[in-house]
Amino acid sequence: MNIFDHIQLHACNIGVDSGTILIADSDFYKSVNNCQCEIFEENEYQEIHEVPTGIYEIKCTIDETWNGKYKAIGRIIITSGKLVISDPCYVVEDDRWQDLLIKTGYLSFLFNGTLLLDGMGGDGSYDIDIDLKKVADYPCTIGDYHKNQDGVDEYKFKWQAL
């Protein structure tokens, strides 16, 4: 691994209906409360990008939101090689949505190295510039990354607005 691996992505017209956009590996949706979530390869409300496995620093910018320009930073873990950019309400089945909200404290705390964007000020459709910098191979042990009591890889992270 080159410790300075760098990827830039541009996600276009990401639909928002729950006031949030979640940037996460596709494995995240399989791991939360045993949700039977379907990641659709062709979905007008989300994008899926191939990203090499690893742990990444992530910076996101949305130039136009209800609240003006919005930025967020964090750290994500890519385990499957598929980065999903979506409002989670378009991925989680309706009958599992409440379970996900309860499990994640109404999306205020997420696991497995995810990043939640929720400062846009409202629903709509957003373009996101995403900058990823690989900081470690996966799996590895850094920060709070560990196996939980069920043997599932876990990285606890709460997003931070700039």
N, C-alpha and C. Protein backbone atom coordinates (compact mmCIF):
# COMPACT_ATOMS: atom_id res chain seq x y z
N MET A 1 0.83 -1.18 0.00
CA MET A 1 0.00 0.00 0.00
C MET A 1 0.87 1.24 0.00
N ASN A 2 0.52 2.18 -0.82
CA ASN A 2 1.14 3.48 -0.76
C ASN A 2 0.33 4.31 0.23
N ILE A 3 0.94 4.69 1.34
CA ILE A 3 0.23 5.39 2.42
C ILE A 3 -0.42 6.69 1.93
N PHE A 4 -0.01 7.17 0.76
CA PHE A 4 -0.55 8.42 0.27
C PHE A 4 -1.56 8.22 -0.86
N ASP A 5 -2.15 7.02 -0.96
CA ASP A 5 -3.19 6.79 -1.96
C ASP A 5 -4.27 7.86 -1.82
N HIS A 6 -4.67 8.41 -2.94
CA HIS A 6 -5.59 9.55 -2.94
C HIS A 6 -6.63 9.34 -4.04
N ILE A 7 -7.90 9.51 -3.70
CA ILE A 7 -9.00 9.33 -4.65
C ILE A 7 -9.93 10.54 -4.54
N GLN A 8 -10.32 11.08 -5.69
CA GLN A 8 -11.30 12.16 -5.71
C GLN A 8 -12.52 11.68 -6.49
N LEU A 9 -13.69 11.89 -5.89
CA LEU A 9 -14.95 11.48 -6.50
C LEU A 9 -15.90 12.68 -6.56
N HIS A 10 -16.82 12.64 -7.51
CA HIS A 10 -17.87 13.64 -7.57
C HIS A 10 -19.19 12.88 -7.71
N ALA A 11 -20.04 13.00 -6.72
CA ALA A 11 -21.35 12.35 -6.73
C ALA A 11 -22.39 13.38 -7.15
N CYS A 12 -23.20 13.04 -8.13
CA CYS A 12 -24.16 13.99 -8.70
C CYS A 12 -25.59 13.64 -8.33
N ASN A 13 -26.34 14.67 -7.95
CA ASN A 13 -27.79 14.55 -7.72
C ASN A 13 -28.15 13.45 -6.74
N ILE A 14 -27.48 13.44 -5.58
CA ILE A 14 -27.82 12.46 -4.55
C ILE A 14 -29.11 12.91 -3.89
N GLY A 15 -30.14 12.09 -4.00
CA GLY A 15 -31.45 12.43 -3.46
C GLY A 15 -31.48 12.33 -1.95
N VAL A 16 -32.13 13.30 -1.33
CA VAL A 16 -32.25 13.32 0.14
C VAL A 16 -33.72 13.47 0.50
N ASP A 17 -34.21 12.53 1.32
CA ASP A 17 -35.59 12.56 1.78
C ASP A 17 -35.67 12.49 3.30
N SER A 18 -34.60 12.01 3.96
CA SER A 18 -34.58 11.93 5.43
C SER A 18 -33.72 13.05 6.03
N GLY A 19 -33.25 13.96 5.18
CA GLY A 19 -32.39 15.04 5.66
C GLY A 19 -30.94 14.63 5.82
N THR A 20 -30.58 13.42 5.35
CA THR A 20 -29.22 12.92 5.55
C THR A 20 -28.68 12.24 4.29
N ILE A 21 -27.37 12.21 4.21
CA ILE A 21 -26.65 11.40 3.23
C ILE A 21 -25.64 10.60 4.03
N LEU A 22 -25.61 9.30 3.80
CA LEU A 22 -24.67 8.43 4.48
C LEU A 22 -23.65 7.96 3.46
N ILE A 23 -22.38 8.11 3.81
CA ILE A 23 -21.29 7.61 2.98
C ILE A 23 -20.71 6.43 3.74
N ALA A 24 -20.85 5.24 3.15
CA ALA A 24 -20.48 4.02 3.88
C ALA A 24 -20.16 2.90 2.91
N ASP A 25 -19.39 1.94 3.38
CA ASP A 25 -19.16 0.72 2.63
C ASP A 25 -20.48 -0.05 2.55
N SER A 26 -20.69 -0.77 1.48
CA SER A 26 -21.93 -1.53 1.34
C SER A 26 -22.09 -2.55 2.46
N ASP A 27 -21.00 -3.02 3.07
CA ASP A 27 -21.09 -3.96 4.18
C ASP A 27 -21.78 -3.35 5.40
N PHE A 28 -21.75 -2.02 5.54
CA PHE A 28 -22.38 -1.37 6.68
C PHE A 28 -23.86 -1.76 6.78
N TYR A 29 -24.54 -1.72 5.65
CA TYR A 29 -25.98 -1.98 5.66
C TYR A 29 -26.31 -3.42 6.02
N LYS A 30 -25.37 -4.32 5.79
CA LYS A 30 -25.56 -5.72 6.17
C LYS A 30 -25.31 -5.93 7.65
N SER A 31 -24.51 -5.05 8.26
CA SER A 31 -24.07 -5.27 9.64
C SER A 31 -24.97 -4.63 10.70
N VAL A 32 -25.76 -3.62 10.34
CA VAL A 32 -26.54 -2.90 11.33
C VAL A 32 -27.84 -3.64 11.61
N ASN A 33 -27.93 -4.17 12.81
CA ASN A 33 -29.17 -4.79 13.30
C ASN A 33 -29.72 -5.85 12.35
N ASN A 34 -28.80 -6.53 11.65
CA ASN A 34 -29.20 -7.56 10.69
C ASN A 34 -30.23 -7.05 9.68
N CYS A 35 -30.10 -5.79 9.30
CA CYS A 35 -31.02 -5.22 8.31
C CYS A 35 -30.89 -5.99 7.00
N GLN A 36 -32.00 -6.32 6.42
CA GLN A 36 -32.00 -6.96 5.10
C GLN A 36 -32.08 -5.84 4.07
N CYS A 37 -30.95 -5.18 3.84
CA CYS A 37 -30.92 -4.01 2.98
C CYS A 37 -30.45 -4.39 1.59
N GLU A 38 -31.01 -3.74 0.61
CA GLU A 38 -30.66 -4.00 -0.77
C GLU A 38 -29.90 -2.81 -1.32
N ILE A 39 -28.68 -3.06 -1.79
CA ILE A 39 -27.90 -2.02 -2.44
C ILE A 39 -28.14 -2.19 -3.94
N PHE A 40 -28.87 -1.27 -4.53
CA PHE A 40 -29.18 -1.37 -5.94
C PHE A 40 -28.05 -0.76 -6.76
N GLU A 41 -27.59 -1.49 -7.75
CA GLU A 41 -26.53 -0.97 -8.61
C GLU A 41 -27.03 0.19 -9.45
N GLU A 42 -28.29 0.15 -9.83
CA GLU A 42 -28.88 1.21 -10.63
C GLU A 42 -29.99 1.86 -9.82
N ASN A 43 -29.70 3.00 -9.21
CA ASN A 43 -30.67 3.70 -8.39
C ASN A 43 -30.47 5.19 -8.61
N GLU A 44 -31.50 5.86 -9.01
CA GLU A 44 -31.37 7.27 -9.34
C GLU A 44 -31.05 8.14 -8.13
N TYR A 45 -31.21 7.61 -6.91
CA TYR A 45 -31.00 8.40 -5.70
C TYR A 45 -29.64 8.18 -5.05
N GLN A 46 -28.84 7.27 -5.55
CA GLN A 46 -27.57 6.96 -4.91
C GLN A 46 -26.50 6.69 -5.95
N GLU A 47 -25.26 6.69 -5.49
CA GLU A 47 -24.14 6.28 -6.34
C GLU A 47 -23.32 5.25 -5.59
N ILE A 48 -22.76 4.33 -6.35
CA ILE A 48 -21.85 3.33 -5.79
C ILE A 48 -20.54 3.45 -6.56
N HIS A 49 -19.43 3.60 -5.81
CA HIS A 49 -18.12 3.73 -6.42
C HIS A 49 -17.22 2.60 -5.96
N GLU A 50 -16.42 2.09 -6.89
CA GLU A 50 -15.40 1.10 -6.55
C GLU A 50 -14.24 1.83 -5.90
N VAL A 51 -13.90 1.42 -4.67
CA VAL A 51 -12.79 2.01 -3.92
C VAL A 51 -12.01 0.86 -3.31
N PRO A 52 -10.68 0.84 -3.45
CA PRO A 52 -9.90 -0.25 -2.85
C PRO A 52 -10.12 -0.33 -1.34
N THR A 53 -10.10 -1.53 -0.80
CA THR A 53 -10.28 -1.69 0.64
C THR A 53 -9.20 -0.92 1.38
N GLY A 54 -9.57 -0.42 2.56
CA GLY A 54 -8.64 0.33 3.38
C GLY A 54 -9.37 1.28 4.31
N ILE A 55 -8.58 1.99 5.08
CA ILE A 55 -9.11 3.02 5.98
C ILE A 55 -8.71 4.37 5.38
N TYR A 56 -9.69 5.27 5.25
CA TYR A 56 -9.49 6.53 4.55
C TYR A 56 -9.91 7.71 5.41
N GLU A 57 -9.14 8.79 5.30
CA GLU A 57 -9.63 10.09 5.74
C GLU A 57 -10.51 10.60 4.62
N ILE A 58 -11.65 11.18 4.98
CA ILE A 58 -12.60 11.65 3.97
C ILE A 58 -12.97 13.10 4.23
N LYS A 59 -13.00 13.87 3.17
CA LYS A 59 -13.46 15.26 3.22
C LYS A 59 -14.54 15.41 2.17
N CYS A 60 -15.67 15.97 2.56
CA CYS A 60 -16.80 16.16 1.65
C CYS A 60 -17.19 17.63 1.60
N THR A 61 -17.54 18.08 0.41
CA THR A 61 -18.00 19.45 0.23
C THR A 61 -19.24 19.43 -0.65
N ILE A 62 -20.27 20.12 -0.19
CA ILE A 62 -21.47 20.37 -0.99
C ILE A 62 -21.57 21.88 -1.14
N ASP A 63 -21.40 22.37 -2.35
CA ASP A 63 -21.35 23.81 -2.56
C ASP A 63 -22.68 24.51 -2.34
N GLU A 64 -23.80 23.85 -2.71
CA GLU A 64 -25.10 24.50 -2.61
C GLU A 64 -26.07 23.66 -1.79
N THR A 65 -26.42 24.17 -0.60
CA THR A 65 -27.44 23.54 0.24
C THR A 65 -28.38 24.63 0.73
N TRP A 66 -29.42 24.24 1.46
CA TRP A 66 -30.33 25.23 2.06
C TRP A 66 -29.57 26.13 3.03
N ASN A 67 -28.48 25.60 3.62
CA ASN A 67 -27.68 26.36 4.59
C ASN A 67 -26.41 26.94 3.98
N GLY A 68 -26.31 26.97 2.68
CA GLY A 68 -25.10 27.44 2.03
C GLY A 68 -24.10 26.30 1.86
N LYS A 69 -22.83 26.64 1.73
CA LYS A 69 -21.79 25.63 1.52
C LYS A 69 -21.65 24.77 2.78
N TYR A 70 -21.51 23.47 2.58
CA TYR A 70 -21.43 22.52 3.69
C TYR A 70 -20.19 21.64 3.52
N LYS A 71 -19.46 21.45 4.62
CA LYS A 71 -18.27 20.59 4.61
C LYS A 71 -18.33 19.64 5.79
N ALA A 72 -17.79 18.44 5.58
CA ALA A 72 -17.68 17.46 6.66
C ALA A 72 -16.42 16.64 6.46
N ILE A 73 -15.86 16.20 7.57
CA ILE A 73 -14.66 15.36 7.52
C ILE A 73 -14.88 14.13 8.39
N GLY A 74 -14.08 13.11 8.16
CA GLY A 74 -14.17 11.92 8.99
C GLY A 74 -13.19 10.87 8.55
N ARG A 75 -13.48 9.66 8.96
CA ARG A 75 -12.67 8.50 8.61
C ARG A 75 -13.62 7.36 8.29
N ILE A 76 -13.40 6.73 7.15
CA ILE A 76 -14.26 5.62 6.75
C ILE A 76 -13.42 4.37 6.53
N ILE A 77 -14.09 3.23 6.63
CA ILE A 77 -13.45 1.95 6.36
C ILE A 77 -14.15 1.32 5.16
N ILE A 78 -13.36 0.95 4.17
CA ILE A 78 -13.88 0.26 3.00
C ILE A 78 -13.49 -1.21 3.13
N THR A 79 -14.49 -2.08 3.29
CA THR A 79 -14.25 -3.52 3.47
C THR A 79 -14.61 -4.33 2.24
N SER A 80 -15.61 -3.88 1.48
CA SER A 80 -16.09 -4.65 0.33
C SER A 80 -15.56 -4.13 -0.99
N GLY A 81 -15.00 -2.91 -0.98
CA GLY A 81 -14.58 -2.27 -2.22
C GLY A 81 -15.68 -1.46 -2.88
N LYS A 82 -16.86 -1.34 -2.20
CA LYS A 82 -17.97 -0.57 -2.75
C LYS A 82 -18.37 0.52 -1.76
N LEU A 83 -18.20 1.77 -2.19
CA LEU A 83 -18.57 2.93 -1.39
C LEU A 83 -19.95 3.40 -1.85
N VAL A 84 -20.91 3.40 -0.93
CA VAL A 84 -22.29 3.79 -1.23
C VAL A 84 -22.51 5.22 -0.73
N ILE A 85 -23.03 6.07 -1.59
CA ILE A 85 -23.36 7.45 -1.26
C ILE A 85 -24.86 7.58 -1.47
N SER A 86 -25.61 7.69 -0.35
CA SER A 86 -27.06 7.64 -0.46
C SER A 86 -27.71 8.16 0.80
N ASP A 87 -28.92 8.65 0.67
CA ASP A 87 -29.77 8.82 1.83
C ASP A 87 -30.09 7.40 2.29
N PRO A 88 -29.83 7.07 3.56
CA PRO A 88 -30.05 5.68 3.98
C PRO A 88 -31.51 5.24 3.84
N CYS A 89 -32.46 6.16 3.80
CA CYS A 89 -33.86 5.75 3.67
C CYS A 89 -34.13 5.12 2.31
N TYR A 90 -33.24 5.34 1.32
CA TYR A 90 -33.41 4.71 0.02
C TYR A 90 -32.75 3.33 -0.06
N VAL A 91 -32.02 2.95 0.98
CA VAL A 91 -31.32 1.67 0.99
C VAL A 91 -31.96 0.70 1.97
N VAL A 92 -32.35 1.21 3.13
CA VAL A 92 -32.94 0.36 4.17
C VAL A 92 -34.42 0.13 3.86
N GLU A 93 -34.84 -1.12 3.94
CA GLU A 93 -36.24 -1.43 3.68
C GLU A 93 -37.13 -0.73 4.70
N ASP A 94 -38.35 -0.37 4.28
CA ASP A 94 -39.27 0.38 5.12
C ASP A 94 -39.48 -0.26 6.49
N ASP A 95 -39.65 -1.58 6.52
CA ASP A 95 -39.92 -2.24 7.80
C ASP A 95 -38.68 -2.36 8.69
N ARG A 96 -37.50 -1.98 8.18
CA ARG A 96 -36.26 -1.99 8.98
C ARG A 96 -35.77 -0.59 9.33
N TRP A 97 -36.42 0.42 8.78
CA TRP A 97 -35.98 1.81 8.97
C TRP A 97 -35.97 2.20 10.45
N GLN A 98 -37.04 1.89 11.17
CA GLN A 98 -37.11 2.25 12.59
C GLN A 98 -36.01 1.53 13.38
N ASP A 99 -35.74 0.28 13.05
CA ASP A 99 -34.66 -0.46 13.71
C ASP A 99 -33.31 0.24 13.52
N LEU A 100 -33.05 0.68 12.29
CA LEU A 100 -31.79 1.39 12.01
C LEU A 100 -31.72 2.68 12.82
N LEU A 101 -32.81 3.44 12.86
CA LEU A 101 -32.81 4.70 13.61
C LEU A 101 -32.53 4.47 15.09
N ILE A 102 -33.14 3.46 15.67
CA ILE A 102 -32.93 3.17 17.09
C ILE A 102 -31.50 2.70 17.32
N LYS A 103 -31.00 1.79 16.49
CA LYS A 103 -29.65 1.24 16.63
C LYS A 103 -28.59 2.32 16.55
N THR A 104 -28.83 3.37 15.76
CA THR A 104 -27.83 4.41 15.53
C THR A 104 -28.15 5.72 16.26
N GLY A 105 -29.07 5.70 17.22
CA GLY A 105 -29.43 6.93 17.92
C GLY A 105 -29.96 7.97 16.95
N TYR A 106 -30.86 7.54 16.08
CA TYR A 106 -31.43 8.40 15.05
C TYR A 106 -30.34 9.02 14.17
N LEU A 107 -29.43 8.15 13.74
CA LEU A 107 -28.32 8.46 12.83
C LEU A 107 -27.31 9.43 13.42
N SER A 108 -27.32 9.59 14.75
CA SER A 108 -26.34 10.50 15.35
C SER A 108 -25.03 9.78 15.65
N PHE A 109 -25.05 8.47 15.69
CA PHE A 109 -23.82 7.72 15.93
C PHE A 109 -23.85 6.46 15.10
N LEU A 110 -22.88 6.33 14.22
CA LEU A 110 -22.83 5.20 13.30
C LEU A 110 -21.54 4.42 13.52
N PHE A 111 -21.53 3.19 13.04
CA PHE A 111 -20.39 2.31 13.22
C PHE A 111 -19.74 1.97 11.88
N ASN A 112 -18.67 1.22 11.96
CA ASN A 112 -17.97 0.69 10.79
C ASN A 112 -17.40 1.77 9.88
N GLY A 113 -16.92 2.85 10.47
CA GLY A 113 -16.23 3.86 9.67
C GLY A 113 -17.10 4.50 8.62
N THR A 114 -18.21 5.07 9.02
CA THR A 114 -19.13 5.73 8.10
C THR A 114 -19.09 7.23 8.32
N LEU A 115 -19.63 7.98 7.38
CA LEU A 115 -19.73 9.43 7.52
C LEU A 115 -21.15 9.86 7.18
N LEU A 116 -21.77 10.57 8.11
CA LEU A 116 -23.13 11.07 7.92
C LEU A 116 -23.09 12.56 7.63
N LEU A 117 -23.76 12.97 6.55
CA LEU A 117 -23.90 14.38 6.21
C LEU A 117 -25.34 14.76 6.53
N ASP A 118 -25.50 15.71 7.47
CA ASP A 118 -26.87 16.09 7.84
C ASP A 118 -27.02 17.59 8.09
N GLY A 119 -26.12 18.39 7.56
CA GLY A 119 -26.18 19.83 7.79
C GLY A 119 -26.64 20.62 6.58
N MET A 120 -27.32 19.96 5.65
CA MET A 120 -27.73 20.65 4.43
C MET A 120 -28.94 21.55 4.65
N GLY A 121 -29.68 21.33 5.72
CA GLY A 121 -30.82 22.19 6.02
C GLY A 121 -32.13 21.76 5.40
N GLY A 122 -32.14 20.65 4.70
CA GLY A 122 -33.39 20.18 4.12
C GLY A 122 -33.19 19.14 3.05
N ASP A 123 -34.29 18.61 2.60
CA ASP A 123 -34.27 17.59 1.56
C ASP A 123 -34.01 18.24 0.21
N GLY A 124 -33.70 17.40 -0.76
CA GLY A 124 -33.43 17.89 -2.10
C GLY A 124 -32.51 16.95 -2.82
N SER A 125 -31.74 17.49 -3.72
CA SER A 125 -30.78 16.74 -4.52
C SER A 125 -29.46 17.49 -4.47
N TYR A 126 -28.38 16.78 -4.13
CA TYR A 126 -27.10 17.45 -3.88
C TYR A 126 -25.96 16.82 -4.66
N ASP A 127 -25.03 17.67 -5.08
CA ASP A 127 -23.76 17.23 -5.67
C ASP A 127 -22.70 17.31 -4.58
N ILE A 128 -21.88 16.26 -4.49
CA ILE A 128 -20.89 16.17 -3.42
C ILE A 128 -19.51 15.92 -4.02
N ASP A 129 -18.54 16.75 -3.64
CA ASP A 129 -17.14 16.49 -3.96
C ASP A 129 -16.55 15.72 -2.78
N ILE A 130 -15.93 14.58 -3.07
CA ILE A 130 -15.40 13.70 -2.04
C ILE A 130 -13.92 13.49 -2.28
N ASP A 131 -13.14 13.71 -1.24
CA ASP A 131 -11.69 13.53 -1.28
C ASP A 131 -11.33 12.43 -0.29
N LEU A 132 -10.74 11.35 -0.78
CA LEU A 132 -10.35 10.22 0.07
C LEU A 132 -8.83 10.09 0.08
N LYS A 133 -8.26 9.97 1.27
CA LYS A 133 -6.82 9.74 1.41
C LYS A 133 -6.64 8.48 2.24
N LYS A 134 -6.05 7.46 1.63
CA LYS A 134 -5.85 6.19 2.32
C LYS A 134 -4.79 6.36 3.40
N VAL A 135 -5.15 5.94 4.63
CA VAL A 135 -4.22 6.07 5.74
C VAL A 135 -3.74 4.71 6.25
N ALA A 136 -4.44 3.64 5.88
CA ALA A 136 -4.03 2.30 6.32
C ALA A 136 -4.72 1.24 5.47
N ASP A 137 -4.07 0.09 5.39
CA ASP A 137 -4.70 -1.05 4.76
C ASP A 137 -5.79 -1.58 5.67
N TYR A 138 -6.69 -2.36 5.12
CA TYR A 138 -7.72 -3.02 5.91
C TYR A 138 -7.48 -4.51 5.80
N PRO A 139 -7.52 -5.30 6.88
CA PRO A 139 -7.75 -4.86 8.26
C PRO A 139 -6.45 -4.42 8.92
N CYS A 140 -6.60 -3.59 9.94
CA CYS A 140 -5.49 -3.16 10.77
C CYS A 140 -6.06 -2.69 12.09
N THR A 141 -5.20 -2.27 12.99
CA THR A 141 -5.67 -1.81 14.29
C THR A 141 -5.18 -0.38 14.49
N ILE A 142 -6.10 0.59 14.37
CA ILE A 142 -5.77 1.98 14.67
C ILE A 142 -6.96 2.60 15.37
N GLY A 143 -6.72 3.58 16.19
CA GLY A 143 -7.80 4.29 16.85
C GLY A 143 -8.70 3.35 17.61
N ASP A 144 -10.01 3.48 17.42
CA ASP A 144 -10.99 2.65 18.10
C ASP A 144 -11.42 1.45 17.27
N TYR A 145 -10.67 1.16 16.22
CA TYR A 145 -11.01 0.03 15.36
C TYR A 145 -10.74 -1.27 16.10
N HIS A 146 -11.69 -2.17 16.12
CA HIS A 146 -11.53 -3.44 16.84
C HIS A 146 -12.63 -4.41 16.43
N LYS A 147 -12.56 -5.61 16.95
CA LYS A 147 -13.65 -6.58 16.78
C LYS A 147 -14.57 -6.42 17.99
N ASN A 148 -15.87 -6.32 17.75
CA ASN A 148 -16.80 -6.22 18.87
C ASN A 148 -17.07 -7.60 19.47
N GLN A 149 -17.96 -7.68 20.44
CA GLN A 149 -18.21 -8.95 21.13
C GLN A 149 -18.75 -10.03 20.21
N ASP A 150 -19.33 -9.64 19.07
CA ASP A 150 -19.83 -10.61 18.11
C ASP A 150 -18.80 -10.96 17.04
N GLY A 151 -17.59 -10.42 17.18
CA GLY A 151 -16.54 -10.70 16.20
C GLY A 151 -16.66 -9.89 14.93
N VAL A 152 -17.48 -8.84 14.95
CA VAL A 152 -17.68 -8.01 13.77
C VAL A 152 -16.71 -6.83 13.82
N ASP A 153 -16.07 -6.53 12.69
CA ASP A 153 -15.18 -5.37 12.63
C ASP A 153 -15.98 -4.12 12.91
N GLU A 154 -15.42 -3.25 13.74
CA GLU A 154 -16.15 -2.06 14.14
C GLU A 154 -15.17 -0.88 14.26
N TYR A 155 -15.58 0.26 13.76
CA TYR A 155 -14.80 1.48 13.95
C TYR A 155 -15.79 2.56 14.35
N LYS A 156 -15.70 3.04 15.57
CA LYS A 156 -16.66 4.03 16.05
C LYS A 156 -16.19 5.42 15.64
N PHE A 157 -17.08 6.15 15.00
CA PHE A 157 -16.74 7.49 14.54
C PHE A 157 -17.98 8.34 14.49
N LYS A 158 -17.87 9.55 14.97
CA LYS A 158 -18.96 10.51 14.85
C LYS A 158 -18.46 11.64 13.95
N TRP A 159 -19.20 11.93 12.89
CA TRP A 159 -18.75 12.94 11.93
C TRP A 159 -18.57 14.29 12.60
N GLN A 160 -17.80 15.14 11.97
CA GLN A 160 -17.53 16.48 12.50
C GLN A 160 -17.64 17.49 11.36
N ALA A 161 -18.46 18.47 11.53
CA ALA A 161 -18.58 19.53 10.52
C ALA A 161 -17.38 20.46 10.62
N LEU A 162 -16.95 21.00 9.50
CA LEU A 162 -15.84 21.96 9.50
C LEU A 162 -16.33 23.35 9.86
